Protein backbone atom coordinates (compact mmCIF):
# COMPACT_ATOMS: atom_id res chain seq x y z
CA UNK A 1 133.68 107.53 106.90
CA UNK A 2 130.20 106.94 108.37
CA UNK A 3 127.53 106.04 105.81
CA UNK A 4 123.76 105.92 105.54
CA UNK A 5 121.99 102.72 104.51
CA UNK A 6 121.74 103.80 100.85
CA UNK A 7 125.43 104.64 100.81
CA UNK A 8 126.27 101.24 102.33
CA UNK A 9 124.20 99.44 99.67
CA UNK A 10 125.71 101.37 96.77
CA UNK A 11 129.23 101.01 98.15
CA UNK A 12 128.85 97.23 98.33
CA UNK A 13 127.26 97.03 94.87
CA UNK A 14 129.98 99.18 93.28
CA UNK A 15 132.90 97.45 95.01
CA UNK A 16 133.92 100.56 96.92
CA UNK A 17 134.94 100.69 100.57
CA UNK A 18 132.94 103.87 100.97
CA UNK A 19 130.87 106.31 98.92
CA UNK A 20 129.34 109.68 99.70
CA UNK A 21 126.30 111.60 98.50
CA UNK A 22 127.01 113.12 95.12
CA UNK A 23 129.44 110.42 94.01
CA UNK A 24 128.81 108.61 90.73
CA UNK A 25 129.23 104.84 90.79
CA UNK A 26 128.75 101.89 88.47
CA UNK A 27 126.97 99.25 90.50
CA UNK A 28 126.36 95.56 89.95
CA UNK A 29 122.67 94.69 90.06
CA UNK A 30 121.58 91.79 92.25
CA UNK A 31 118.06 91.38 90.84
CA UNK A 32 116.32 92.96 87.82
CA UNK A 33 112.52 92.89 87.94
CA UNK A 34 110.17 93.60 85.04
CA UNK A 35 106.42 93.29 84.63
CA UNK A 36 104.71 93.78 81.26
CA UNK A 37 107.32 96.46 80.66
CA UNK A 38 109.59 93.54 79.78
CA UNK A 39 108.04 93.67 76.30
CA UNK A 40 109.47 97.17 75.80
CA UNK A 41 112.84 96.06 77.17
CA UNK A 42 112.84 93.30 74.57
CA UNK A 43 112.06 95.88 71.89
CA UNK A 44 115.12 97.90 72.99
CA UNK A 45 117.33 94.82 72.74
CA UNK A 46 115.96 93.99 69.29
CA UNK A 47 116.62 97.52 68.05
CA UNK A 48 120.21 97.20 69.26
CA UNK A 49 120.60 93.78 67.62
CA UNK A 50 121.24 92.07 70.97
CA UNK A 51 119.90 88.59 71.65
CA UNK A 52 121.33 87.61 75.04
CA UNK A 53 121.02 88.35 78.75
CA UNK A 54 123.73 88.61 81.38
CA UNK A 55 122.24 86.20 83.92
CA UNK A 56 118.86 84.48 83.42
CA UNK A 57 118.69 83.65 87.14
CA UNK A 58 118.86 87.28 88.24
CA UNK A 59 116.03 88.46 86.00
CA UNK A 60 112.51 88.18 87.42
CA UNK A 61 109.51 88.72 85.13
CA UNK A 62 105.80 88.65 85.90
CA UNK A 63 102.50 89.89 84.50
CA UNK A 64 100.39 92.05 86.80
CA UNK A 65 99.39 95.37 85.23
CA UNK A 66 97.21 93.79 82.56
CA UNK A 67 96.51 90.31 83.82
CA UNK A 68 94.83 88.47 82.26
CA UNK A 69 95.33 90.43 79.04
CA UNK A 70 92.33 92.74 78.47
CA UNK A 71 93.17 93.68 74.86
CA UNK A 72 94.79 92.15 71.80
CA UNK A 73 97.70 94.57 72.21
CA UNK A 74 98.47 93.39 75.74
CA UNK A 75 97.96 89.76 74.70
CA UNK A 76 100.61 90.29 72.02
CA UNK A 77 102.96 91.82 74.62
CA UNK A 78 102.46 88.82 76.86
CA UNK A 79 103.17 86.44 73.99
CA UNK A 80 106.39 88.26 73.13
CA UNK A 81 107.61 88.04 76.72
CA UNK A 82 106.69 84.36 77.10
CA UNK A 83 108.67 83.50 73.96
CA UNK A 84 111.67 85.53 75.19
CA UNK A 85 111.56 83.83 78.59
CA UNK A 86 111.65 80.36 77.01
CA UNK A 87 114.36 81.26 74.54
CA UNK A 88 116.71 82.72 77.14
CA UNK A 89 115.93 80.37 80.01
CA UNK A 90 114.65 83.03 82.39
CA UNK A 91 114.20 80.94 85.53
CA UNK A 92 111.91 83.22 87.51
CA UNK A 93 108.87 83.93 85.36
CA UNK A 94 105.40 84.30 86.85
CA UNK A 95 102.45 84.38 84.48
CA UNK A 96 99.04 85.98 85.03
CA UNK A 97 98.06 83.96 88.07
CA UNK A 98 100.83 84.97 90.50
CA UNK A 99 99.98 88.52 91.51
CA UNK A 100 101.38 92.03 91.76
CA UNK A 101 105.11 92.32 91.20
CA UNK A 102 106.08 94.01 94.47
CA UNK A 103 104.11 91.53 96.54
CA UNK A 104 105.39 88.35 94.91
CA UNK A 105 108.97 89.65 94.86
CA UNK A 106 108.81 89.66 98.66
CA UNK A 107 106.76 86.50 99.07
CA UNK A 108 108.95 84.38 96.81
CA UNK A 109 112.28 85.40 98.29
CA UNK A 110 113.59 87.68 95.54
CA UNK A 111 114.12 90.60 97.95
CA UNK A 112 117.05 90.23 100.33
CA UNK A 113 118.60 92.72 102.76
CA UNK A 114 121.63 94.63 101.52
CA UNK A 115 121.04 93.90 97.84
CA UNK A 116 120.48 96.35 94.98
CA UNK A 117 117.34 95.72 92.94
CA UNK A 118 115.98 97.61 89.93
CA UNK A 119 112.53 97.29 88.42
CA UNK A 120 110.50 98.65 85.52
CA UNK A 121 108.08 100.16 88.02
CA UNK A 122 108.43 103.27 90.15
CA UNK A 123 107.18 101.51 93.28
CA UNK A 124 110.21 99.24 93.37
CA UNK A 125 111.08 101.33 96.45
CA UNK A 126 108.83 98.84 98.28
CA UNK A 127 111.82 96.49 98.64
CA UNK A 128 113.38 98.81 101.20
CA UNK A 129 111.00 97.30 103.76
CA UNK A 130 113.49 94.42 103.97
CA UNK A 131 116.55 96.64 103.86
CA UNK A 132 117.16 96.20 100.11
CA UNK A 133 117.88 99.13 97.83
CA UNK A 134 115.00 99.04 95.34
CA UNK A 135 114.43 101.67 92.70
CA UNK A 136 112.50 102.02 89.46
CA UNK A 137 114.20 102.53 86.10
CA UNK A 138 113.09 102.96 82.50
CA UNK A 139 113.07 100.30 79.82
CA UNK A 140 116.24 101.56 78.10
CA UNK A 141 118.16 101.40 81.37
CA UNK A 142 116.71 97.95 82.02
CA UNK A 143 117.92 96.79 78.61
CA UNK A 144 121.41 97.83 79.67
CA UNK A 145 121.02 95.90 82.93
CA UNK A 146 119.76 92.78 81.17
CA UNK A 147 122.88 92.75 78.98
CA UNK A 148 125.59 93.97 81.39
CA UNK A 149 124.24 93.42 84.89
CA UNK A 150 125.34 96.93 85.80
CA UNK A 151 123.97 100.47 85.96
CA UNK A 152 125.34 103.84 87.00
CA UNK A 153 123.95 105.76 89.95
CA UNK A 154 124.46 109.11 91.57
CA UNK A 155 124.68 108.37 95.28
CA UNK A 156 121.68 110.18 96.79
CA UNK A 157 121.53 112.32 99.89
CA UNK A 158 119.46 110.75 102.65
CA UNK A 159 116.62 112.15 104.71
CA UNK A 160 115.35 110.35 107.78
CA UNK A 161 111.82 110.23 109.15
CA UNK A 162 112.03 109.32 112.80
CA UNK A 163 108.56 108.10 113.76
CA UNK A 164 107.54 107.73 117.37
CA UNK A 165 104.36 107.08 119.34
CA UNK A 166 101.82 104.27 119.34
CA UNK A 167 99.42 104.27 116.41
CA UNK A 168 95.85 104.90 117.58
CA UNK A 169 93.18 102.28 116.95
CA UNK A 170 92.07 102.16 113.29
CA UNK A 171 95.11 104.18 112.15
CA UNK A 172 97.60 102.37 109.90
CA UNK A 173 101.01 102.89 108.32
CA UNK A 174 99.15 104.16 105.23
CA UNK A 175 97.89 107.06 107.34
CA UNK A 176 101.45 107.77 108.48
CA UNK A 177 102.90 108.00 104.97
CA UNK A 178 99.93 110.06 103.76
CA UNK A 179 100.47 112.43 106.69
CA UNK A 180 104.15 112.75 105.77
CA UNK A 181 103.29 113.48 102.11
CA UNK A 182 100.78 116.11 103.20
CA UNK A 183 102.94 117.82 105.81
CA UNK A 184 106.31 117.78 104.06
CA UNK A 185 105.26 117.72 100.41
CA UNK A 186 105.71 115.39 97.47
CA UNK A 187 109.23 116.65 96.71
CA UNK A 188 110.73 116.58 100.20
CA UNK A 189 112.90 113.62 99.18
CA UNK A 190 113.37 114.36 95.46
CA UNK A 191 116.18 112.01 94.29
CA UNK A 192 117.05 111.29 97.90
CA UNK A 193 117.05 108.11 99.88
CA UNK A 194 114.42 107.95 102.60
CA UNK A 195 115.14 106.09 105.84
CA UNK A 196 112.15 105.31 108.04
CA UNK A 197 113.27 104.83 111.63
CA UNK A 198 112.03 105.10 115.18
CA UNK A 199 110.10 102.97 117.67
CA UNK A 200 106.86 103.13 115.68
CA UNK A 201 108.54 101.66 112.59
CA UNK A 202 110.22 98.96 114.66
CA UNK A 203 106.80 97.91 115.96
CA UNK A 204 105.33 97.72 112.43
CA UNK A 205 104.89 94.43 110.61
CA UNK A 206 106.87 93.82 107.43
CA UNK A 207 103.63 94.39 105.50
CA UNK A 208 103.12 97.81 107.11
CA UNK A 209 106.71 98.77 106.34
CA UNK A 210 106.11 97.75 102.74
CA UNK A 211 103.29 100.29 102.55
CA UNK A 212 105.58 103.05 103.81
CA UNK A 213 108.46 102.18 101.49
CA UNK A 214 106.08 101.70 98.55
CA UNK A 215 104.99 105.31 98.84
CA UNK A 216 108.49 106.72 99.39
CA UNK A 217 108.46 107.42 95.65
CA UNK A 218 105.40 109.64 96.21
CA UNK A 219 107.58 112.03 98.20
CA UNK A 220 110.33 111.84 95.57
CA UNK A 221 112.45 109.09 97.07
CA UNK A 222 115.08 107.24 95.05
CA UNK A 223 115.01 104.59 97.77
CA UNK A 224 112.67 104.01 100.71
CA UNK A 225 114.49 102.05 103.41
CA UNK A 226 114.00 100.47 106.81
CA UNK A 227 117.11 99.03 108.44
CA UNK A 228 116.58 95.25 108.58
CA UNK A 229 115.84 93.97 112.08
CA UNK A 230 115.25 90.41 113.27
CA UNK A 231 111.66 90.60 112.02
CA UNK A 232 112.82 91.37 108.47
CA UNK A 233 115.65 88.83 108.51
CA UNK A 234 113.34 86.04 109.67
CA UNK A 235 110.82 86.99 106.97
CA UNK A 236 113.50 86.55 104.30
CA UNK A 237 114.97 83.34 105.74
CA UNK A 238 111.52 81.78 105.62
CA UNK A 239 111.37 82.43 101.87
CA UNK A 240 114.81 81.78 100.44
CA UNK A 241 117.92 79.70 101.05
CA UNK A 242 120.14 82.17 99.24
CA UNK A 243 122.76 83.84 101.43
CA UNK A 244 122.52 87.55 102.12
CA UNK A 245 124.33 90.12 104.24
CA UNK A 246 122.16 92.74 105.94
CA UNK A 247 123.57 96.25 105.96
CA UNK A 248 122.90 99.00 108.48
CA UNK A 249 123.41 102.76 108.62
CA UNK A 250 126.25 103.88 110.85
CA UNK A 251 125.17 105.51 114.13
CA UNK A 252 127.00 108.70 113.15
CA UNK A 253 125.86 108.74 109.50
CA UNK A 254 125.22 112.19 108.08
CA UNK A 255 121.66 112.94 106.97
CA UNK A 256 120.61 115.92 104.92
CA UNK A 257 117.72 116.34 107.33
CA UNK A 258 115.94 114.41 110.07
CA UNK A 259 112.19 114.86 110.49
CA UNK A 260 110.55 113.75 113.73
CA UNK A 261 106.95 112.60 113.48
CA UNK A 262 104.81 111.77 116.55
CA UNK A 263 101.82 109.63 115.55
CA UNK A 264 100.27 109.28 119.02
CA UNK A 265 97.31 111.52 118.15
CA UNK A 266 97.21 110.88 114.40
CA UNK A 267 93.77 110.75 112.77
CA UNK A 268 93.05 108.63 109.71
CA UNK A 269 94.27 110.59 106.68
CA UNK A 270 92.79 111.17 103.22
CA UNK A 271 94.59 112.42 100.10
CA UNK A 272 92.22 114.57 98.05
CA UNK A 273 92.32 114.87 94.23
CA UNK A 274 94.53 115.22 92.33
CA UNK A 275 97.73 114.97 94.37
CA UNK A 276 99.16 112.54 96.90
CA UNK A 277 100.29 115.61 98.81
CA UNK A 278 96.79 117.10 99.08
CA UNK A 279 96.18 115.38 102.41
CA UNK A 280 93.64 116.24 105.07
CA UNK A 281 92.61 114.52 108.30
CA UNK A 282 89.45 112.44 108.12
CA UNK A 283 87.56 115.07 110.09
CA UNK A 284 87.87 117.35 107.05
CA UNK A 285 86.85 114.65 104.56
CA UNK A 286 83.79 113.07 106.11
CA UNK A 287 80.55 113.24 104.19
CA UNK A 288 81.98 113.27 100.66
CA UNK A 289 79.82 110.90 98.59
CA UNK A 290 81.55 108.06 96.76
CA UNK A 291 80.59 105.71 93.95
CA UNK A 292 83.39 103.18 94.32
CA UNK A 293 85.69 101.78 96.99
CA UNK A 294 88.86 99.98 95.94
CA UNK A 295 90.81 97.74 98.29
CA UNK A 296 94.02 96.35 96.84
CA UNK A 297 97.18 97.40 94.92
CA UNK A 298 100.87 96.98 95.71
CA UNK A 299 100.35 99.47 98.55
CA UNK A 300 97.55 97.85 100.53
CA UNK A 301 96.51 94.50 99.08
CA UNK A 302 98.22 92.29 101.66
CA UNK A 303 96.58 89.96 104.16
CA UNK A 304 96.69 92.45 107.03
CA UNK A 305 94.99 95.02 104.81
CA UNK A 306 92.21 92.63 103.83
CA UNK A 307 91.80 91.61 107.46
CA UNK A 308 91.49 95.25 108.53
CA UNK A 309 88.77 95.89 105.97
CA UNK A 310 86.98 92.68 106.91
CA UNK A 311 86.90 93.82 110.54
CA UNK A 312 84.85 96.81 109.40
CA UNK A 313 82.66 94.89 106.94
CA UNK A 314 81.82 91.86 109.06
CA UNK A 315 78.05 91.83 109.57
CA UNK A 316 77.58 94.91 107.39
CA UNK A 317 76.65 95.57 103.76
CA UNK A 318 78.29 97.73 101.12
CA UNK A 319 76.10 100.78 100.47
CA UNK A 320 73.74 100.22 97.50
CA UNK A 321 75.19 103.23 95.68
CA UNK A 322 78.77 101.94 96.00
CA UNK A 323 80.75 99.39 94.01
CA UNK A 324 83.38 97.81 96.22
CA UNK A 325 86.22 96.10 94.40
CA UNK A 326 88.63 93.89 96.35
CA UNK A 327 91.84 92.62 94.75
CA UNK A 328 94.29 90.55 96.84
CA UNK A 329 97.88 91.44 95.99
CA UNK A 330 98.88 87.87 95.17
CA UNK A 331 97.65 84.34 94.75
CA UNK A 332 99.15 83.51 98.14
CA UNK A 333 97.31 86.39 99.82
CA UNK A 334 94.12 85.28 98.05
CA UNK A 335 94.50 81.74 99.40
CA UNK A 336 95.30 82.90 102.92
CA UNK A 337 92.31 85.25 102.93
CA UNK A 338 90.12 82.43 101.62
CA UNK A 339 91.23 80.04 104.37
CA UNK A 340 90.75 82.71 107.04
CA UNK A 341 87.17 83.38 105.94
CA UNK A 342 88.00 86.96 104.97
CA UNK A 343 86.82 86.63 101.38
CA UNK A 344 83.51 85.28 102.62
CA UNK A 345 83.06 88.47 104.64
CA UNK A 346 83.61 90.56 101.52
CA UNK A 347 81.20 88.47 99.45
CA UNK A 348 78.49 88.57 102.07
CA UNK A 349 78.92 92.34 102.33
CA UNK A 350 78.37 92.70 98.57
CA UNK A 351 81.92 93.37 97.38
CA UNK A 352 83.35 92.07 94.10
CA UNK A 353 86.58 90.06 94.40
CA UNK A 354 88.93 89.97 91.40
CA UNK A 355 92.03 87.96 90.59
CA UNK A 356 95.39 89.33 91.81
CA UNK A 357 96.28 92.20 89.48
CA UNK A 358 96.95 95.93 89.55
CA UNK A 359 93.38 96.49 88.36
CA UNK A 360 91.85 99.97 88.82
CA UNK A 361 95.17 101.44 89.97
CA UNK A 362 96.40 101.38 86.37
CA UNK A 363 93.23 102.87 84.90
CA UNK A 364 93.25 100.51 81.95
CA UNK A 365 90.84 97.77 83.02
CA UNK A 366 88.75 96.65 85.99
CA UNK A 367 86.81 99.24 87.93
CA UNK A 368 87.25 102.33 85.81
CA UNK A 369 85.45 105.52 86.79
CA UNK A 370 83.04 107.51 84.65
CA UNK A 371 82.93 111.28 84.46
CA UNK A 372 81.87 112.81 87.75
CA UNK A 373 82.36 109.64 89.81
CA UNK A 374 84.41 109.39 93.00
CA UNK A 375 86.45 106.49 94.34
CA UNK A 376 88.09 106.02 97.70
CA UNK A 377 91.12 103.81 97.16
CA UNK A 378 93.85 102.07 99.15
CA UNK A 379 96.25 102.54 96.22
CA UNK A 380 99.13 105.01 96.00
CA UNK A 381 98.22 107.61 93.35
CA UNK A 382 95.22 109.80 92.70
CA UNK A 383 96.39 111.70 89.63
CA UNK A 384 93.82 113.02 87.21
CA UNK A 385 92.72 110.22 84.86
CA UNK A 386 94.56 107.57 86.87
CA UNK A 387 91.43 105.44 87.25
CA UNK A 388 89.43 106.18 84.11
CA UNK A 389 87.84 109.53 83.30
CA UNK A 390 89.99 112.63 83.87
CA UNK A 391 86.80 114.16 85.26
CA UNK A 392 86.56 111.55 88.02
CA UNK A 393 88.02 111.96 91.50
CA UNK A 394 90.21 109.58 93.52
CA UNK A 395 90.68 109.83 97.27
CA UNK A 396 93.46 107.81 98.91
CA UNK A 397 93.05 106.27 102.35
CA UNK A 398 93.80 103.23 104.50
CA UNK A 399 91.95 99.90 104.22
CA UNK A 400 90.00 100.75 107.39
CA UNK A 401 88.78 104.03 105.90
CA UNK A 402 88.04 102.49 102.50
CA UNK A 403 85.89 99.80 104.10
CA UNK A 404 84.04 102.20 106.39
CA UNK A 405 83.29 104.49 103.46
CA UNK A 406 82.04 101.58 101.37
CA UNK A 407 79.46 100.83 104.06
CA UNK A 408 78.12 104.37 104.47
CA UNK A 409 78.42 105.56 100.86
CA UNK A 410 80.52 108.56 101.88
CA UNK A 411 83.99 109.10 103.27
CA UNK A 412 83.75 107.97 106.87
CA UNK A 413 85.98 107.83 109.93
CA UNK A 414 86.27 104.09 110.70
CA UNK A 415 86.47 104.88 114.43
CA UNK A 416 82.94 106.24 114.37
CA UNK A 417 81.59 103.20 112.56
CA UNK A 418 83.23 100.94 115.14
CA UNK A 419 81.53 102.60 118.08
CA UNK A 420 84.08 105.28 118.78
CA UNK A 421 86.82 102.80 119.71
CA UNK A 422 90.29 104.31 119.85
């Protein structure tokens, strides 16, 4: 029976020769990732009277949402997790200096094609950029995984987005996924696997694919997947010596629906408050005044994102009415940007650079918005209250658009700022 990529991954993980959409399977987990949510997983284990883990080498824990700890409460959470990690010999623990979970999972070789990965974060779908089945789960489910190494799944239907055409100058994969969310809605893939395919995707860097898969959850996706090509396999081999077996959808796999998207004439896109699906082309967003510009997050805090913004900012200044906050997604990205002179561009432009952390995206510390303020952000969600006051507004856009808007003080088409280049 022909299978989609999600079906192949779940068949392998559950020990079945084949599975089909709608089947229920018990699957073995290859990697279990937890950020600060690990503290709540530990609470679940304590309530159940359990003081063991199934495999300390398959559990990966890091601090990123509140790093360094901004309150006594979060400091206490961190302490609890550190003690648990030492007690149970958790090999892969990354404290406050490492960076955002989804970035360092890729960088440090914890994401491998064909594997099934769960995380205490909804954007675990990011791992599909390397052909791994990544999905977010709650802390109770994670407690079960930590003890048994298994979890049940309903095999999801799969929808495919076949993307073709060359991306215009100053248009990024972030614009593509925002366009998809706007055109097809935020529930088009509700509890479905999303496969991104087509010549445009094949041309994308691993980092750009990560942006697409990261936001698969914003259209409802259980998984967001790109079949692993040589580019993805080489990326993984450069970061781990562990063996892995890439999986691929069958040519005659059955999809619930295939959507064809031509990006040849795509404009930069902007998601208006307070929904990721409230997307308009930049031509309908220009001129909206902003108070803050945020470049970072697990969606667009990678080196190529910082480089794109620096291209706009080089030789320019951030508008005096705008606070620009830049947060590299990891320590490694920070170092690479430093060596490349990118951080110097940001500093000279008047931006503030923070340590690798989720920052404003979580709305709990760093760069919060006051009532009536507006932020243009490279992050993935613009829900009411997501970044401080529920009476503030968040607009989502690509790093190019964020940087251009920071310079002018209003939402701006980066193509116009760069002399009309296309």
